Amino acid sequence: MPRPNVEAERREQILLATCAVISEVGMHEMRLADVAKRAGVSSGMVHYYFDSKRAVLVAAFEFNFTRSLARRHALLESDRAPLDLLTRLVESYLPDSGETLTAWRVWAELWAEALRDQEFQAVNERVYDEWRQLVVEIITRAQENGSARAGDPVELANMLIAMIDGLAIQALAHSSHMPGATMRGTLRAFIATYLAAPACCSP
C-alpha cells in the first residue's frame, strides 16, 4: 500500500487531471480513462482512489474550490488594507487564463448540474458558504476601519459575489460585451461606488 504522503500526492494528481478534463470537455463527456491518461496513471489507479465517476466529480468540485483559495493564500495573509485586499482578491478571479480559467469552467459545470442534482447542490452549498463567509469577513474588517460603508456585510457580500459570478459567466461565454478589461472595470467601480465609504466620511 502506498505511503500516506504518496497517496495524498497521487489523489491530488488525479483531481487536478479531473478538473482539467472537466474544463475541456464537460463533466458528462468526461471519462475516467481520460482522467487516468491526463494524470499519467492507470485506470485502475483512479479506481483505487475513487470508486465511481460520480465520486471523483464530487471530490474534484470541492478540490477546485480548496485549491482556488490555496492559490490566494499569500494575498489573504498579506497586511493589505481590507478594501484593497478585497479589490485584489476580486481581480484575481478574473477568468482570463491558466488555472483560474479552468477553475471557472469547473464551477460552471457544477452550477449546471446542481440545477437537477441534490448532491451537487450540497457541494455548491458547502463551498459557496465558505467563499461568502470569506468576503463577509473582509467587508466587516473594512467597515471596522471606516473604509467601507455601513450596512449588512452579508447583503453587501452577496451583491459583490453575484456580480462576479454574473460577469464571469458572460466572459466564459465569450460575450463581446464582457472582455476581461470590462469585467475588471465594472467590479472596481462597484467596490469604489457601492462598498467604499463616501469620501466625506472616510478617515
N, C-alpha and C. Protein backbone atom coordinates (compact mmCIF):
# COMPACT_ATOMS: atom_id res chain seq x y z
N MET A 1 0.85 -1.19 0.00
CA MET A 1 0.00 0.00 0.00
C MET A 1 0.89 1.25 0.00
N PRO A 2 0.58 2.26 -0.84
CA PRO A 2 1.41 3.47 -0.88
C PRO A 2 1.48 4.18 0.46
N ARG A 3 2.58 4.86 0.73
CA ARG A 3 2.71 5.65 1.94
C ARG A 3 1.68 6.78 1.92
N PRO A 4 1.24 7.29 3.12
CA PRO A 4 0.20 8.33 3.17
C PRO A 4 0.52 9.56 2.33
N ASN A 5 1.79 10.04 2.36
CA ASN A 5 2.11 11.24 1.59
C ASN A 5 2.06 10.97 0.10
N VAL A 6 2.40 9.74 -0.30
CA VAL A 6 2.31 9.37 -1.70
C VAL A 6 0.84 9.31 -2.11
N GLU A 7 -0.01 8.79 -1.24
CA GLU A 7 -1.44 8.70 -1.53
C GLU A 7 -2.03 10.10 -1.71
N ALA A 8 -1.63 11.02 -0.85
CA ALA A 8 -2.15 12.39 -0.96
C ALA A 8 -1.72 13.03 -2.27
N GLU A 9 -0.46 12.82 -2.63
CA GLU A 9 0.05 13.38 -3.88
C GLU A 9 -0.65 12.76 -5.10
N ARG A 10 -0.85 11.46 -5.07
CA ARG A 10 -1.49 10.79 -6.19
C ARG A 10 -2.95 11.22 -6.30
N ARG A 11 -3.61 11.36 -5.17
CA ARG A 11 -5.01 11.79 -5.19
C ARG A 11 -5.12 13.20 -5.78
N GLU A 12 -4.21 14.09 -5.37
CA GLU A 12 -4.22 15.45 -5.92
C GLU A 12 -3.93 15.43 -7.42
N GLN A 13 -3.02 14.57 -7.84
CA GLN A 13 -2.69 14.42 -9.25
C GLN A 13 -3.94 14.04 -10.05
N ILE A 14 -4.71 13.12 -9.52
CA ILE A 14 -5.93 12.67 -10.19
C ILE A 14 -6.99 13.77 -10.22
N LEU A 15 -7.12 14.50 -9.13
CA LEU A 15 -8.12 15.57 -9.07
C LEU A 15 -7.74 16.74 -9.97
N LEU A 16 -6.46 17.06 -10.05
CA LEU A 16 -6.02 18.09 -11.00
C LEU A 16 -6.36 17.69 -12.43
N ALA A 17 -6.12 16.43 -12.75
CA ALA A 17 -6.43 15.93 -14.08
C ALA A 17 -7.93 15.95 -14.32
N THR A 18 -8.71 15.62 -13.30
CA THR A 18 -10.17 15.65 -13.44
C THR A 18 -10.66 17.05 -13.75
N CYS A 19 -10.15 18.04 -13.03
CA CYS A 19 -10.56 19.43 -13.28
C CYS A 19 -10.18 19.86 -14.69
N ALA A 20 -9.02 19.45 -15.15
CA ALA A 20 -8.57 19.82 -16.50
C ALA A 20 -9.49 19.21 -17.55
N VAL A 21 -9.87 17.94 -17.35
CA VAL A 21 -10.74 17.28 -18.32
C VAL A 21 -12.14 17.88 -18.29
N ILE A 22 -12.67 18.15 -17.10
CA ILE A 22 -13.98 18.80 -17.00
C ILE A 22 -13.96 20.13 -17.75
N SER A 23 -12.89 20.89 -17.56
CA SER A 23 -12.77 22.19 -18.21
C SER A 23 -12.78 22.07 -19.73
N GLU A 24 -12.18 21.01 -20.22
CA GLU A 24 -12.03 20.85 -21.67
C GLU A 24 -13.26 20.26 -22.35
N VAL A 25 -13.88 19.24 -21.72
CA VAL A 25 -14.96 18.53 -22.41
C VAL A 25 -16.29 18.54 -21.65
N GLY A 26 -16.29 19.01 -20.40
CA GLY A 26 -17.51 18.98 -19.60
C GLY A 26 -17.60 17.70 -18.79
N MET A 27 -18.41 17.76 -17.72
CA MET A 27 -18.46 16.62 -16.81
C MET A 27 -19.17 15.41 -17.41
N HIS A 28 -20.14 15.63 -18.30
CA HIS A 28 -20.87 14.50 -18.86
C HIS A 28 -20.04 13.74 -19.89
N GLU A 29 -19.19 14.45 -20.59
CA GLU A 29 -18.34 13.79 -21.59
C GLU A 29 -17.06 13.23 -20.99
N MET A 30 -16.77 13.61 -19.75
CA MET A 30 -15.56 13.13 -19.10
C MET A 30 -15.62 11.64 -18.85
N ARG A 31 -14.52 10.94 -19.16
CA ARG A 31 -14.40 9.51 -18.87
C ARG A 31 -13.24 9.31 -17.91
N LEU A 32 -13.36 8.32 -17.05
CA LEU A 32 -12.27 8.04 -16.11
C LEU A 32 -11.00 7.67 -16.85
N ALA A 33 -11.15 7.08 -18.01
CA ALA A 33 -9.96 6.75 -18.82
C ALA A 33 -9.24 8.02 -19.26
N ASP A 34 -10.03 9.08 -19.55
CA ASP A 34 -9.42 10.37 -19.93
C ASP A 34 -8.67 10.96 -18.74
N VAL A 35 -9.27 10.84 -17.56
CA VAL A 35 -8.63 11.36 -16.34
C VAL A 35 -7.32 10.62 -16.09
N ALA A 36 -7.36 9.30 -16.21
CA ALA A 36 -6.16 8.49 -15.99
C ALA A 36 -5.05 8.89 -16.96
N LYS A 37 -5.42 9.04 -18.23
CA LYS A 37 -4.43 9.41 -19.23
C LYS A 37 -3.84 10.78 -18.92
N ARG A 38 -4.69 11.72 -18.54
CA ARG A 38 -4.22 13.08 -18.23
C ARG A 38 -3.32 13.08 -16.99
N ALA A 39 -3.66 12.25 -16.03
CA ALA A 39 -2.87 12.18 -14.79
C ALA A 39 -1.60 11.35 -14.95
N GLY A 40 -1.52 10.58 -16.03
CA GLY A 40 -0.36 9.73 -16.23
C GLY A 40 -0.35 8.50 -15.35
N VAL A 41 -1.57 8.01 -15.04
CA VAL A 41 -1.69 6.80 -14.21
C VAL A 41 -2.61 5.82 -14.92
N SER A 42 -2.74 4.64 -14.37
CA SER A 42 -3.63 3.63 -14.94
C SER A 42 -5.07 3.89 -14.52
N SER A 43 -6.01 3.37 -15.27
CA SER A 43 -7.42 3.48 -14.88
C SER A 43 -7.65 2.79 -13.54
N GLY A 44 -6.92 1.70 -13.31
CA GLY A 44 -7.03 1.01 -12.04
C GLY A 44 -6.62 1.88 -10.87
N MET A 45 -5.62 2.73 -11.09
CA MET A 45 -5.19 3.64 -10.03
C MET A 45 -6.29 4.65 -9.71
N VAL A 46 -6.97 5.14 -10.72
CA VAL A 46 -8.08 6.07 -10.47
C VAL A 46 -9.15 5.38 -9.64
N HIS A 47 -9.47 4.12 -9.98
CA HIS A 47 -10.49 3.38 -9.24
C HIS A 47 -10.02 3.01 -7.83
N TYR A 48 -8.73 2.97 -7.61
CA TYR A 48 -8.22 2.71 -6.26
C TYR A 48 -8.61 3.85 -5.32
N TYR A 49 -8.59 5.08 -5.83
CA TYR A 49 -8.90 6.24 -5.00
C TYR A 49 -10.38 6.63 -5.06
N PHE A 50 -11.03 6.35 -6.17
CA PHE A 50 -12.43 6.76 -6.33
C PHE A 50 -13.20 5.60 -6.96
N ASP A 51 -14.29 5.21 -6.30
CA ASP A 51 -14.99 4.01 -6.76
C ASP A 51 -15.95 4.26 -7.91
N SER A 52 -16.11 5.52 -8.32
CA SER A 52 -17.02 5.81 -9.44
C SER A 52 -16.70 7.17 -10.04
N LYS A 53 -17.24 7.40 -11.21
CA LYS A 53 -17.10 8.72 -11.85
C LYS A 53 -17.73 9.79 -10.97
N ARG A 54 -18.87 9.48 -10.39
CA ARG A 54 -19.55 10.45 -9.54
C ARG A 54 -18.69 10.83 -8.34
N ALA A 55 -18.04 9.86 -7.74
CA ALA A 55 -17.19 10.13 -6.57
C ALA A 55 -16.04 11.06 -6.92
N VAL A 56 -15.42 10.84 -8.07
CA VAL A 56 -14.30 11.70 -8.46
C VAL A 56 -14.80 13.10 -8.82
N LEU A 57 -16.01 13.20 -9.38
CA LEU A 57 -16.56 14.52 -9.69
C LEU A 57 -16.83 15.32 -8.42
N VAL A 58 -17.48 14.70 -7.44
CA VAL A 58 -17.76 15.40 -6.18
C VAL A 58 -16.46 15.87 -5.54
N ALA A 59 -15.48 14.99 -5.50
CA ALA A 59 -14.19 15.35 -4.90
C ALA A 59 -13.51 16.46 -5.70
N ALA A 60 -13.64 16.43 -7.02
CA ALA A 60 -12.98 17.43 -7.87
C ALA A 60 -13.60 18.80 -7.67
N PHE A 61 -14.91 18.88 -7.54
CA PHE A 61 -15.56 20.17 -7.34
C PHE A 61 -15.11 20.81 -6.02
N GLU A 62 -15.01 19.99 -4.97
CA GLU A 62 -14.56 20.52 -3.69
C GLU A 62 -13.07 20.88 -3.74
N PHE A 63 -12.29 20.04 -4.40
CA PHE A 63 -10.86 20.30 -4.57
C PHE A 63 -10.64 21.58 -5.37
N ASN A 64 -11.45 21.81 -6.37
CA ASN A 64 -11.34 23.01 -7.21
C ASN A 64 -11.43 24.27 -6.35
N PHE A 65 -12.37 24.27 -5.41
CA PHE A 65 -12.54 25.43 -4.53
C PHE A 65 -11.37 25.55 -3.55
N THR A 66 -11.00 24.46 -2.92
CA THR A 66 -9.91 24.49 -1.94
C THR A 66 -8.61 24.95 -2.58
N ARG A 67 -8.34 24.46 -3.78
CA ARG A 67 -7.12 24.86 -4.48
C ARG A 67 -7.18 26.33 -4.88
N SER A 68 -8.37 26.80 -5.22
CA SER A 68 -8.54 28.21 -5.57
C SER A 68 -8.13 29.11 -4.41
N LEU A 69 -8.57 28.76 -3.22
CA LEU A 69 -8.19 29.55 -2.04
C LEU A 69 -6.70 29.40 -1.74
N ALA A 70 -6.17 28.21 -1.93
CA ALA A 70 -4.74 27.98 -1.66
C ALA A 70 -3.87 28.85 -2.57
N ARG A 71 -4.30 29.05 -3.81
CA ARG A 71 -3.52 29.88 -4.73
C ARG A 71 -3.51 31.34 -4.29
N ARG A 72 -4.45 31.70 -3.45
CA ARG A 72 -4.55 33.09 -2.98
C ARG A 72 -4.15 33.25 -1.52
N HIS A 73 -3.47 32.22 -1.00
CA HIS A 73 -3.10 32.23 0.42
C HIS A 73 -2.21 33.43 0.76
N ALA A 74 -1.20 33.67 -0.06
CA ALA A 74 -0.28 34.78 0.23
C ALA A 74 -1.02 36.11 0.23
N LEU A 75 -1.94 36.28 -0.70
CA LEU A 75 -2.73 37.51 -0.75
C LEU A 75 -3.61 37.64 0.48
N LEU A 76 -4.28 36.56 0.86
CA LEU A 76 -5.18 36.61 2.00
C LEU A 76 -4.44 36.81 3.32
N GLU A 77 -3.19 36.38 3.36
CA GLU A 77 -2.40 36.53 4.58
C GLU A 77 -1.59 37.83 4.60
N SER A 78 -1.71 38.62 3.56
CA SER A 78 -0.95 39.87 3.49
C SER A 78 -1.53 40.91 4.45
N ASP A 79 -0.77 41.99 4.65
CA ASP A 79 -1.24 43.04 5.56
C ASP A 79 -1.89 44.20 4.81
N ARG A 80 -2.43 43.94 3.65
CA ARG A 80 -3.11 44.97 2.88
C ARG A 80 -4.34 45.47 3.64
N ALA A 81 -4.69 46.72 3.41
CA ALA A 81 -5.93 47.26 3.97
C ALA A 81 -7.09 46.44 3.42
N PRO A 82 -8.13 46.23 4.23
CA PRO A 82 -9.20 45.31 3.82
C PRO A 82 -9.83 45.60 2.46
N LEU A 83 -10.13 46.86 2.16
CA LEU A 83 -10.78 47.15 0.89
C LEU A 83 -9.83 46.94 -0.29
N ASP A 84 -8.56 47.23 -0.08
CA ASP A 84 -7.56 46.95 -1.11
C ASP A 84 -7.42 45.44 -1.30
N LEU A 85 -7.42 44.71 -0.19
CA LEU A 85 -7.36 43.25 -0.25
C LEU A 85 -8.55 42.71 -1.04
N LEU A 86 -9.73 43.24 -0.76
CA LEU A 86 -10.93 42.77 -1.46
C LEU A 86 -10.83 43.03 -2.96
N THR A 87 -10.35 44.21 -3.32
CA THR A 87 -10.20 44.54 -4.74
C THR A 87 -9.21 43.59 -5.41
N ARG A 88 -8.08 43.35 -4.76
CA ARG A 88 -7.07 42.45 -5.33
C ARG A 88 -7.60 41.02 -5.42
N LEU A 89 -8.34 40.61 -4.41
CA LEU A 89 -8.90 39.26 -4.41
C LEU A 89 -9.89 39.09 -5.56
N VAL A 90 -10.78 40.06 -5.72
CA VAL A 90 -11.76 40.01 -6.79
C VAL A 90 -11.06 39.96 -8.15
N GLU A 91 -10.05 40.78 -8.33
CA GLU A 91 -9.36 40.82 -9.62
C GLU A 91 -8.60 39.52 -9.89
N SER A 92 -8.21 38.83 -8.84
CA SER A 92 -7.51 37.56 -9.03
C SER A 92 -8.44 36.48 -9.57
N TYR A 93 -9.74 36.73 -9.53
CA TYR A 93 -10.72 35.77 -10.01
C TYR A 93 -11.19 36.05 -11.43
N LEU A 94 -10.57 37.00 -12.10
CA LEU A 94 -10.95 37.24 -13.50
C LEU A 94 -10.66 35.98 -14.32
N PRO A 95 -11.64 35.49 -15.08
CA PRO A 95 -11.46 34.24 -15.82
C PRO A 95 -10.70 34.45 -17.12
N ASP A 96 -9.44 34.84 -17.00
CA ASP A 96 -8.69 35.20 -18.20
C ASP A 96 -7.79 34.10 -18.74
N SER A 97 -7.12 33.36 -17.85
CA SER A 97 -6.19 32.35 -18.35
C SER A 97 -5.79 31.40 -17.23
N GLY A 98 -5.08 30.35 -17.62
CA GLY A 98 -4.46 29.45 -16.66
C GLY A 98 -5.44 28.74 -15.74
N GLU A 99 -4.99 28.51 -14.52
CA GLU A 99 -5.79 27.75 -13.56
C GLU A 99 -7.09 28.45 -13.21
N THR A 100 -7.09 29.78 -13.22
CA THR A 100 -8.32 30.49 -12.87
C THR A 100 -9.40 30.24 -13.92
N LEU A 101 -9.03 30.23 -15.18
CA LEU A 101 -10.00 29.94 -16.23
C LEU A 101 -10.50 28.51 -16.10
N THR A 102 -9.60 27.58 -15.86
CA THR A 102 -10.01 26.19 -15.65
C THR A 102 -10.97 26.08 -14.48
N ALA A 103 -10.65 26.77 -13.38
CA ALA A 103 -11.49 26.71 -12.19
C ALA A 103 -12.89 27.24 -12.47
N TRP A 104 -13.00 28.32 -13.22
CA TRP A 104 -14.31 28.89 -13.55
C TRP A 104 -15.12 27.92 -14.40
N ARG A 105 -14.48 27.25 -15.34
CA ARG A 105 -15.21 26.29 -16.18
C ARG A 105 -15.72 25.13 -15.34
N VAL A 106 -14.93 24.72 -14.36
CA VAL A 106 -15.38 23.66 -13.45
C VAL A 106 -16.56 24.15 -12.62
N TRP A 107 -16.48 25.38 -12.12
CA TRP A 107 -17.60 25.98 -11.38
C TRP A 107 -18.86 25.96 -12.22
N ALA A 108 -18.75 26.38 -13.46
CA ALA A 108 -19.92 26.45 -14.33
C ALA A 108 -20.55 25.07 -14.53
N GLU A 109 -19.73 24.04 -14.63
CA GLU A 109 -20.26 22.69 -14.76
C GLU A 109 -21.00 22.28 -13.49
N LEU A 110 -20.46 22.64 -12.34
CA LEU A 110 -21.12 22.33 -11.07
C LEU A 110 -22.48 23.01 -10.99
N TRP A 111 -22.52 24.30 -11.32
CA TRP A 111 -23.79 25.04 -11.26
C TRP A 111 -24.84 24.41 -12.17
N ALA A 112 -24.44 24.06 -13.38
CA ALA A 112 -25.40 23.48 -14.32
C ALA A 112 -25.96 22.17 -13.77
N GLU A 113 -25.10 21.34 -13.18
CA GLU A 113 -25.56 20.06 -12.66
C GLU A 113 -26.38 20.23 -11.39
N ALA A 114 -26.07 21.25 -10.60
CA ALA A 114 -26.79 21.49 -9.35
C ALA A 114 -28.24 21.91 -9.59
N LEU A 115 -28.58 22.29 -10.81
CA LEU A 115 -29.96 22.61 -11.13
C LEU A 115 -30.87 21.40 -10.95
N ARG A 116 -30.29 20.19 -11.07
CA ARG A 116 -31.10 18.98 -11.06
C ARG A 116 -30.68 17.94 -10.02
N ASP A 117 -29.53 18.13 -9.41
CA ASP A 117 -28.95 17.07 -8.59
C ASP A 117 -28.70 17.56 -7.16
N GLN A 118 -29.32 16.90 -6.20
CA GLN A 118 -29.22 17.35 -4.81
C GLN A 118 -27.82 17.20 -4.23
N GLU A 119 -27.10 16.18 -4.64
CA GLU A 119 -25.74 16.01 -4.10
C GLU A 119 -24.85 17.15 -4.56
N PHE A 120 -24.97 17.56 -5.81
CA PHE A 120 -24.17 18.67 -6.29
C PHE A 120 -24.67 20.00 -5.73
N GLN A 121 -25.95 20.08 -5.43
CA GLN A 121 -26.47 21.25 -4.73
C GLN A 121 -25.80 21.38 -3.36
N ALA A 122 -25.62 20.26 -2.69
CA ALA A 122 -24.98 20.26 -1.37
C ALA A 122 -23.52 20.67 -1.47
N VAL A 123 -22.83 20.21 -2.52
CA VAL A 123 -21.43 20.62 -2.72
C VAL A 123 -21.37 22.13 -2.92
N ASN A 124 -22.24 22.64 -3.78
CA ASN A 124 -22.29 24.08 -4.03
C ASN A 124 -22.56 24.85 -2.75
N GLU A 125 -23.47 24.33 -1.94
CA GLU A 125 -23.83 25.00 -0.67
C GLU A 125 -22.62 25.08 0.25
N ARG A 126 -21.88 23.98 0.37
CA ARG A 126 -20.73 23.95 1.28
C ARG A 126 -19.65 24.92 0.85
N VAL A 127 -19.25 24.83 -0.40
CA VAL A 127 -18.12 25.65 -0.83
C VAL A 127 -18.53 27.12 -0.96
N TYR A 128 -19.78 27.37 -1.37
CA TYR A 128 -20.21 28.75 -1.53
C TYR A 128 -20.36 29.44 -0.19
N ASP A 129 -20.80 28.71 0.82
CA ASP A 129 -20.90 29.29 2.16
C ASP A 129 -19.52 29.74 2.65
N GLU A 130 -18.52 28.92 2.37
CA GLU A 130 -17.16 29.27 2.80
C GLU A 130 -16.65 30.51 2.05
N TRP A 131 -16.91 30.56 0.76
CA TRP A 131 -16.49 31.71 -0.05
C TRP A 131 -17.22 32.98 0.40
N ARG A 132 -18.54 32.86 0.63
CA ARG A 132 -19.31 34.01 1.09
C ARG A 132 -18.80 34.52 2.44
N GLN A 133 -18.50 33.59 3.34
CA GLN A 133 -18.03 33.99 4.66
C GLN A 133 -16.69 34.72 4.58
N LEU A 134 -15.83 34.30 3.67
CA LEU A 134 -14.54 34.98 3.49
C LEU A 134 -14.77 36.43 3.05
N VAL A 135 -15.65 36.64 2.08
CA VAL A 135 -15.93 38.00 1.60
C VAL A 135 -16.59 38.82 2.70
N VAL A 136 -17.50 38.22 3.46
CA VAL A 136 -18.15 38.91 4.57
C VAL A 136 -17.12 39.38 5.59
N GLU A 137 -16.16 38.52 5.91
CA GLU A 137 -15.15 38.88 6.90
C GLU A 137 -14.30 40.06 6.43
N ILE A 138 -13.95 40.09 5.16
CA ILE A 138 -13.13 41.20 4.65
C ILE A 138 -13.94 42.49 4.65
N ILE A 139 -15.19 42.44 4.24
CA ILE A 139 -16.04 43.63 4.26
C ILE A 139 -16.24 44.13 5.69
N THR A 140 -16.42 43.20 6.62
CA THR A 140 -16.59 43.59 8.02
C THR A 140 -15.36 44.31 8.54
N ARG A 141 -14.19 43.81 8.20
CA ARG A 141 -12.95 44.48 8.62
C ARG A 141 -12.84 45.87 8.01
N ALA A 142 -13.28 45.98 6.75
CA ALA A 142 -13.25 47.29 6.10
C ALA A 142 -14.23 48.26 6.77
N GLN A 143 -15.37 47.76 7.19
CA GLN A 143 -16.33 48.60 7.92
C GLN A 143 -15.76 49.03 9.26
N GLU A 144 -15.06 48.12 9.91
CA GLU A 144 -14.49 48.43 11.22
C GLU A 144 -13.41 49.50 11.16
N ASN A 145 -12.67 49.55 10.05
CA ASN A 145 -11.64 50.59 9.95
C ASN A 145 -12.13 51.83 9.21
N GLY A 146 -13.43 51.84 8.86
CA GLY A 146 -14.02 53.03 8.28
C GLY A 146 -13.87 53.18 6.78
N SER A 147 -13.30 52.19 6.11
CA SER A 147 -13.09 52.32 4.67
C SER A 147 -14.28 51.83 3.85
N ALA A 148 -15.17 51.05 4.47
CA ALA A 148 -16.36 50.57 3.77
C ALA A 148 -17.61 51.19 4.40
N ARG A 149 -18.62 51.37 3.59
CA ARG A 149 -19.85 51.97 4.09
C ARG A 149 -20.56 51.03 5.05
N ALA A 150 -21.41 51.59 5.89
CA ALA A 150 -22.20 50.79 6.82
C ALA A 150 -23.23 49.98 6.05
N GLY A 151 -23.69 48.91 6.66
CA GLY A 151 -24.69 48.06 6.02
C GLY A 151 -24.46 46.62 6.40
N ASP A 152 -25.42 45.79 6.10
CA ASP A 152 -25.31 44.36 6.40
C ASP A 152 -24.19 43.77 5.54
N PRO A 153 -23.11 43.29 6.15
CA PRO A 153 -21.98 42.78 5.36
C PRO A 153 -22.35 41.55 4.54
N VAL A 154 -23.31 40.76 5.00
CA VAL A 154 -23.74 39.59 4.23
C VAL A 154 -24.45 40.05 2.96
N GLU A 155 -25.30 41.05 3.08
CA GLU A 155 -26.00 41.58 1.91
C GLU A 155 -25.02 42.18 0.91
N LEU A 156 -24.06 42.93 1.42
CA LEU A 156 -23.05 43.53 0.55
C LEU A 156 -22.21 42.46 -0.13
N ALA A 157 -21.86 41.43 0.63
CA ALA A 157 -21.07 40.33 0.05
C ALA A 157 -21.87 39.61 -1.04
N ASN A 158 -23.15 39.40 -0.78
CA ASN A 158 -23.99 38.74 -1.78
C ASN A 158 -24.08 39.55 -3.07
N MET A 159 -24.16 40.87 -2.93
CA MET A 159 -24.20 41.74 -4.12
C MET A 159 -22.91 41.59 -4.93
N LEU A 160 -21.78 41.64 -4.24
CA LEU A 160 -20.50 41.56 -4.93
C LEU A 160 -20.31 40.19 -5.57
N ILE A 161 -20.61 39.13 -4.83
CA ILE A 161 -20.43 37.78 -5.35
C ILE A 161 -21.33 37.53 -6.56
N ALA A 162 -22.57 38.02 -6.46
CA ALA A 162 -23.49 37.85 -7.59
C ALA A 162 -22.97 38.57 -8.82
N MET A 163 -22.38 39.73 -8.62
CA MET A 163 -21.83 40.48 -9.75
C MET A 163 -20.63 39.73 -10.35
N ILE A 164 -19.75 39.23 -9.51
CA ILE A 164 -18.60 38.47 -10.00
C ILE A 164 -19.07 37.29 -10.85
N ASP A 165 -20.01 36.52 -10.30
CA ASP A 165 -20.48 35.33 -10.99
C ASP A 165 -21.17 35.67 -12.31
N GLY A 166 -22.05 36.66 -12.29
CA GLY A 166 -22.78 37.02 -13.50
C GLY A 166 -21.86 37.51 -14.60
N LEU A 167 -20.91 38.35 -14.24
CA LEU A 167 -19.96 38.85 -15.24
C LEU A 167 -19.06 37.73 -15.75
N ALA A 168 -18.65 36.84 -14.85
CA ALA A 168 -17.77 35.74 -15.25
C ALA A 168 -18.46 34.81 -16.24
N ILE A 169 -19.75 34.54 -16.03
CA ILE A 169 -20.48 33.67 -16.96
C ILE A 169 -20.49 34.29 -18.35
N GLN A 170 -20.68 35.61 -18.43
CA GLN A 170 -20.65 36.28 -19.73
C GLN A 170 -19.26 36.20 -20.36
N ALA A 171 -18.25 36.38 -19.53
CA ALA A 171 -16.87 36.29 -20.04
C ALA A 171 -16.57 34.87 -20.53
N LEU A 172 -17.01 33.86 -19.77
CA LEU A 172 -16.78 32.47 -20.17
C LEU A 172 -17.49 32.14 -21.47
N ALA A 173 -18.64 32.80 -21.68
CA ALA A 173 -19.41 32.58 -22.91
C ALA A 173 -18.89 33.42 -24.06
N HIS A 174 -17.76 34.09 -23.84
CA HIS A 174 -17.10 34.89 -24.88
C HIS A 174 -17.98 36.03 -25.40
N SER A 175 -18.73 36.62 -24.48
CA SER A 175 -19.54 37.78 -24.86
C SER A 175 -18.64 38.93 -25.30
N SER A 176 -18.96 39.51 -26.44
CA SER A 176 -18.17 40.65 -26.91
C SER A 176 -18.32 41.86 -26.00
N HIS A 177 -19.37 41.84 -25.18
CA HIS A 177 -19.62 42.96 -24.27
C HIS A 177 -18.91 42.79 -22.92
N MET A 178 -18.27 41.64 -22.71
CA MET A 178 -17.65 41.41 -21.41
C MET A 178 -16.24 40.84 -21.53
N PRO A 179 -15.33 41.58 -22.16
CA PRO A 179 -13.92 41.16 -22.12
C PRO A 179 -13.38 41.37 -20.70
N GLY A 180 -12.20 40.83 -20.46
CA GLY A 180 -11.62 40.92 -19.12
C GLY A 180 -11.50 42.33 -18.59
N ALA A 181 -11.11 43.26 -19.46
CA ALA A 181 -10.93 44.64 -19.01
C ALA A 181 -12.25 45.25 -18.55
N THR A 182 -13.34 44.92 -19.24
CA THR A 182 -14.65 45.44 -18.84
C THR A 182 -15.10 44.84 -17.52
N MET A 183 -14.87 43.55 -17.34
CA MET A 183 -15.22 42.90 -16.08
C MET A 183 -14.44 43.52 -14.93
N ARG A 184 -13.15 43.71 -15.12
CA ARG A 184 -12.32 44.32 -14.08
C ARG A 184 -12.82 45.73 -13.74
N GLY A 185 -13.08 46.52 -14.76
CA GLY A 185 -13.53 47.89 -14.53
C GLY A 185 -14.87 47.95 -13.84
N THR A 186 -15.78 47.05 -14.20
CA THR A 186 -17.11 47.03 -13.58
C THR A 186 -17.01 46.67 -12.10
N LEU A 187 -16.19 45.69 -11.78
CA LEU A 187 -16.04 45.27 -10.38
C LEU A 187 -15.34 46.35 -9.55
N ARG A 188 -14.34 46.98 -10.14
CA ARG A 188 -13.67 48.08 -9.44
C ARG A 188 -14.66 49.22 -9.17
N ALA A 189 -15.49 49.52 -10.15
CA ALA A 189 -16.46 50.60 -9.99
C ALA A 189 -17.46 50.27 -8.89
N PHE A 190 -17.89 49.01 -8.82
CA PHE A 190 -18.84 48.61 -7.78
C PHE A 190 -18.22 48.77 -6.39
N ILE A 191 -16.97 48.30 -6.24
CA ILE A 191 -16.32 48.41 -4.94
C ILE A 191 -16.12 49.87 -4.55
N ALA A 192 -15.69 50.68 -5.51
CA ALA A 192 -15.42 52.10 -5.21
C ALA A 192 -16.70 52.89 -4.96
N THR A 193 -17.78 52.53 -5.65
CA THR A 193 -19.00 53.32 -5.56
C THR A 193 -19.97 52.81 -4.50
N TYR A 194 -20.10 51.49 -4.38
CA TYR A 194 -21.13 50.94 -3.50
C TYR A 194 -20.60 50.30 -2.23
N LEU A 195 -19.33 49.95 -2.19
CA LEU A 195 -18.78 49.35 -0.98
C LEU A 195 -17.93 50.34 -0.18
N ALA A 196 -17.15 51.14 -0.87
CA ALA A 196 -16.27 52.09 -0.15
C ALA A 196 -17.10 53.16 0.54
N ALA A 197 -16.62 53.60 1.70
CA ALA A 197 -17.27 54.70 2.40
C ALA A 197 -17.16 55.98 1.58
N PRO A 198 -18.20 56.82 1.58
CA PRO A 198 -18.12 58.09 0.86
C PRO A 198 -16.88 58.87 1.30
N ALA A 199 -16.29 59.59 0.36
CA ALA A 199 -15.05 60.31 0.64
C ALA A 199 -15.20 61.25 1.82
N CYS A 200 -16.36 61.84 1.97
CA CYS A 200 -16.56 62.81 3.05
C CYS A 200 -16.57 62.15 4.42
N CYS A 201 -16.77 60.80 4.41
CA CYS A 201 -16.90 60.10 5.68
C CYS A 201 -15.74 59.20 6.01
N SER A 202 -14.82 59.06 5.06
CA SER A 202 -13.69 58.17 5.33
C SER A 202 -12.69 58.86 6.23
N PRO A 203 -11.93 58.11 7.01
CA PRO A 203 -10.98 58.73 7.96
C PRO A 203 -9.85 59.44 7.25
